[in-house]
Amino acid sequence: MATKEPERIWWKPLSKDERVWVGIALIWMLISFFFMPLYHIIGAQNPPAETYKVTPEQFDKLVDGMIAKSKVGEEQGIPIVHPSPSDPVFIRASMWQWYPIVELEKGKTYRVHLSSMDLDHGFSLQPVNMNFMVLPGYDYVLKLTPTQSGEFHILCNEFCGLGHHTMLGKLYVK
């Protein structure tokens, strides 16, 4: 004849130390839960709120128009553009290239438009450590005010295929 195990409450077998750690974990979880939406409102690292739907063909025309208007040189077959701060800056992501090379002025505010022609890409501006997703079909607008001069690299931080490791772009600030 099988004996029935007595019914018990799951937390009763916990020792005092275990109850302390479960309590600490619960308090930390509640702090994190309430801090996340609060930081979204007051934090300085919110993603861009300005986004538009765009086809790859439309965005490509915008990039070509900016290049025709603002081209100042070329580096390894990629145009270098120096747009006016009053003009929009368009940077296109495609396997496995950021296009074109952009030259900005320190202290001036630019509206940088990002879009992908094919796959999901990640826009990572180094060594500043800015990170944004770049998705096909969307035009993301970043307000960017360079505070230091130099050469910056744009890396793709979202795996986009076999040539992902070669996807490197440049941004110059003068």
Protein backbone atom coordinates (compact mmCIF):
# COMPACT_ATOMS: atom_id res chain seq x y z
CA MET A 1 0.00 0.00 0.00
CA ALA A 2 1.37 3.39 -1.07
CA THR A 3 1.68 6.05 1.55
CA LYS A 4 0.69 9.58 0.69
CA GLU A 5 3.32 12.23 1.33
CA PRO A 6 2.12 14.90 3.74
CA GLU A 7 1.18 18.23 2.14
CA ARG A 8 3.58 21.06 2.92
CA ILE A 9 4.23 24.71 2.04
CA TRP A 10 7.23 25.16 -0.28
CA TRP A 11 8.91 27.98 1.64
CA LYS A 12 8.81 26.34 5.04
CA PRO A 13 11.88 24.17 4.39
CA LEU A 14 13.94 27.32 3.51
CA SER A 15 16.61 28.19 6.03
CA LYS A 16 17.05 31.73 7.35
CA ASP A 17 19.97 32.39 4.93
CA GLU A 18 17.91 31.23 1.96
CA ARG A 19 15.01 33.49 2.97
CA VAL A 20 17.40 36.46 3.22
CA TRP A 21 18.76 35.83 -0.31
CA VAL A 22 15.29 35.30 -1.77
CA GLY A 23 14.24 38.60 -0.12
CA ILE A 24 17.26 40.46 -1.52
CA ALA A 25 16.58 39.07 -5.01
CA LEU A 26 12.92 40.10 -4.79
CA ILE A 27 13.78 43.64 -3.65
CA TRP A 28 16.38 43.99 -6.44
CA MET A 29 13.88 42.73 -9.02
CA LEU A 30 11.30 45.30 -7.88
CA ILE A 31 13.86 48.15 -7.97
CA SER A 32 14.90 47.14 -11.51
CA PHE A 33 11.29 46.76 -12.63
CA PHE A 34 10.35 50.30 -11.57
CA PHE A 35 13.65 51.91 -12.61
CA MET A 36 13.57 50.75 -16.26
CA PRO A 37 10.52 52.79 -17.37
CA LEU A 38 11.65 55.72 -15.22
CA TYR A 39 15.09 55.75 -16.88
CA HIS A 40 13.45 55.61 -20.30
CA ILE A 41 11.79 58.93 -19.47
CA ILE A 42 14.67 60.72 -17.70
CA GLY A 43 17.67 58.91 -19.24
CA ALA A 44 20.00 60.47 -21.77
CA GLN A 45 20.38 57.35 -23.92
CA ASN A 46 16.96 57.05 -25.50
CA PRO A 47 16.76 55.86 -29.10
CA PRO A 48 15.72 58.31 -31.80
CA ALA A 49 12.03 59.06 -31.85
CA GLU A 50 12.04 60.30 -35.43
CA THR A 51 11.62 57.43 -37.87
CA TYR A 52 10.11 57.23 -41.35
CA LYS A 53 9.11 54.40 -43.67
CA VAL A 54 11.25 54.40 -46.80
CA THR A 55 12.01 51.96 -49.59
CA PRO A 56 15.65 51.11 -50.37
CA GLU A 57 15.26 52.77 -53.77
CA GLN A 58 13.98 56.03 -52.22
CA PHE A 59 16.79 56.12 -49.65
CA ASP A 60 19.38 55.34 -52.32
CA LYS A 61 18.20 58.39 -54.31
CA LEU A 62 18.55 60.56 -51.19
CA VAL A 63 22.12 59.29 -50.65
CA ASP A 64 23.02 59.92 -54.30
CA GLY A 65 21.53 63.43 -54.14
CA MET A 66 23.59 64.28 -51.06
CA ILE A 67 26.75 62.93 -52.73
CA ALA A 68 26.11 65.00 -55.88
CA LYS A 69 25.68 68.14 -53.76
CA SER A 70 28.37 67.67 -51.08
CA LYS A 71 31.17 65.49 -52.50
CA VAL A 72 34.65 66.77 -51.60
CA GLY A 73 36.80 63.76 -52.42
CA GLU A 74 37.11 60.03 -52.62
CA GLU A 75 38.81 57.33 -50.57
CA GLN A 76 39.30 53.83 -52.00
CA GLY A 77 36.41 54.36 -54.42
CA ILE A 78 34.00 55.62 -51.72
CA PRO A 79 32.94 59.27 -51.93
CA ILE A 80 33.72 61.65 -49.07
CA VAL A 81 30.97 64.19 -48.45
CA HIS A 82 31.05 67.39 -46.41
CA PRO A 83 27.41 68.41 -46.01
CA SER A 84 26.25 71.68 -44.57
CA PRO A 85 24.77 71.43 -41.05
CA SER A 86 21.48 72.69 -42.51
CA ASP A 87 21.35 69.77 -44.96
CA PRO A 88 20.37 66.23 -43.98
CA VAL A 89 23.17 63.64 -43.88
CA PHE A 90 22.35 60.21 -45.33
CA ILE A 91 24.36 57.08 -44.47
CA ARG A 92 23.44 53.84 -46.18
CA ALA A 93 24.14 50.37 -44.82
CA SER A 94 24.37 47.42 -47.18
CA MET A 95 26.29 44.16 -47.26
CA TRP A 96 29.15 44.91 -46.22
CA GLN A 97 29.61 48.62 -46.45
CA TRP A 98 28.72 51.96 -44.88
CA TYR A 99 28.31 54.53 -47.66
CA PRO A 100 29.50 57.30 -48.07
CA ILE A 101 32.32 58.58 -45.85
CA VAL A 102 31.03 61.64 -44.01
CA GLU A 103 33.00 64.69 -42.92
CA LEU A 104 31.37 66.86 -40.23
CA GLU A 105 32.34 70.03 -38.37
CA LYS A 106 32.98 70.04 -34.64
CA GLY A 107 30.29 71.80 -32.60
CA LYS A 108 27.68 71.88 -35.38
CA THR A 109 24.45 69.87 -35.12
CA TYR A 110 23.55 67.49 -37.95
CA ARG A 111 20.52 65.35 -38.72
CA VAL A 112 21.95 61.97 -39.71
CA HIS A 113 19.58 59.61 -41.54
CA LEU A 114 20.37 55.88 -41.41
CA SER A 115 18.79 53.07 -43.41
CA SER A 116 19.66 49.60 -44.63
CA MET A 117 19.32 48.35 -48.18
CA ASP A 118 19.15 44.64 -47.39
CA LEU A 119 19.54 43.20 -43.86
CA ASP A 120 19.48 44.30 -40.23
CA HIS A 121 22.69 46.16 -39.40
CA GLY A 122 23.98 47.81 -36.26
CA PHE A 123 25.41 51.35 -36.36
CA SER A 124 28.19 51.55 -33.79
CA LEU A 125 30.25 54.76 -33.77
CA GLN A 126 33.63 54.10 -32.16
CA PRO A 127 35.29 55.17 -29.90
CA VAL A 128 32.20 57.15 -28.83
CA ASN A 129 30.22 53.92 -28.30
CA MET A 130 26.94 55.03 -29.89
CA ASN A 131 24.82 52.04 -30.93
CA PHE A 132 21.67 51.98 -33.05
CA MET A 133 19.83 49.35 -35.05
CA VAL A 134 19.53 50.04 -38.77
CA LEU A 135 16.66 48.16 -40.39
CA PRO A 136 15.57 47.95 -44.03
CA GLY A 137 12.46 49.94 -44.83
CA TYR A 138 13.06 52.55 -42.10
CA ASP A 139 14.86 55.90 -42.07
CA TYR A 140 16.17 56.59 -38.56
CA VAL A 141 17.10 60.20 -37.82
CA LEU A 142 19.81 60.93 -35.25
CA LYS A 143 20.68 64.41 -34.06
CA LEU A 144 24.44 64.43 -33.82
CA THR A 145 26.67 67.22 -32.50
CA PRO A 146 30.35 66.22 -32.66
CA THR A 147 32.29 67.45 -29.63
CA GLN A 148 35.77 66.28 -30.60
CA SER A 149 37.78 66.25 -33.80
CA GLY A 150 39.25 63.15 -35.32
CA GLU A 151 38.59 60.04 -37.34
CA PHE A 152 35.77 57.82 -36.12
CA HIS A 153 34.87 54.34 -37.30
CA ILE A 154 31.39 53.04 -37.99
CA LEU A 155 31.15 49.33 -37.22
CA CYS A 156 28.29 46.94 -37.85
CA ASN A 157 27.46 45.29 -34.54
CA GLU A 158 24.64 43.10 -35.88
CA PHE A 159 25.76 39.94 -37.70
CA CYS A 160 24.91 40.45 -41.37
CA GLY A 161 26.59 37.56 -43.14
CA LEU A 162 30.01 36.30 -44.14
CA GLY A 163 31.50 39.75 -44.79
CA HIS A 164 30.22 41.22 -41.52
CA HIS A 165 33.73 41.57 -40.08
CA THR A 166 34.75 43.80 -43.03
CA MET A 167 31.83 46.24 -42.65
CA LEU A 168 33.71 49.36 -41.58
CA GLY A 169 32.82 52.95 -42.37
CA LYS A 170 34.43 56.29 -41.54
CA LEU A 171 33.29 59.60 -40.17
CA TYR A 172 35.68 62.55 -39.99
CA VAL A 173 35.17 65.51 -37.68
CA LYS A 174 37.16 68.68 -38.45
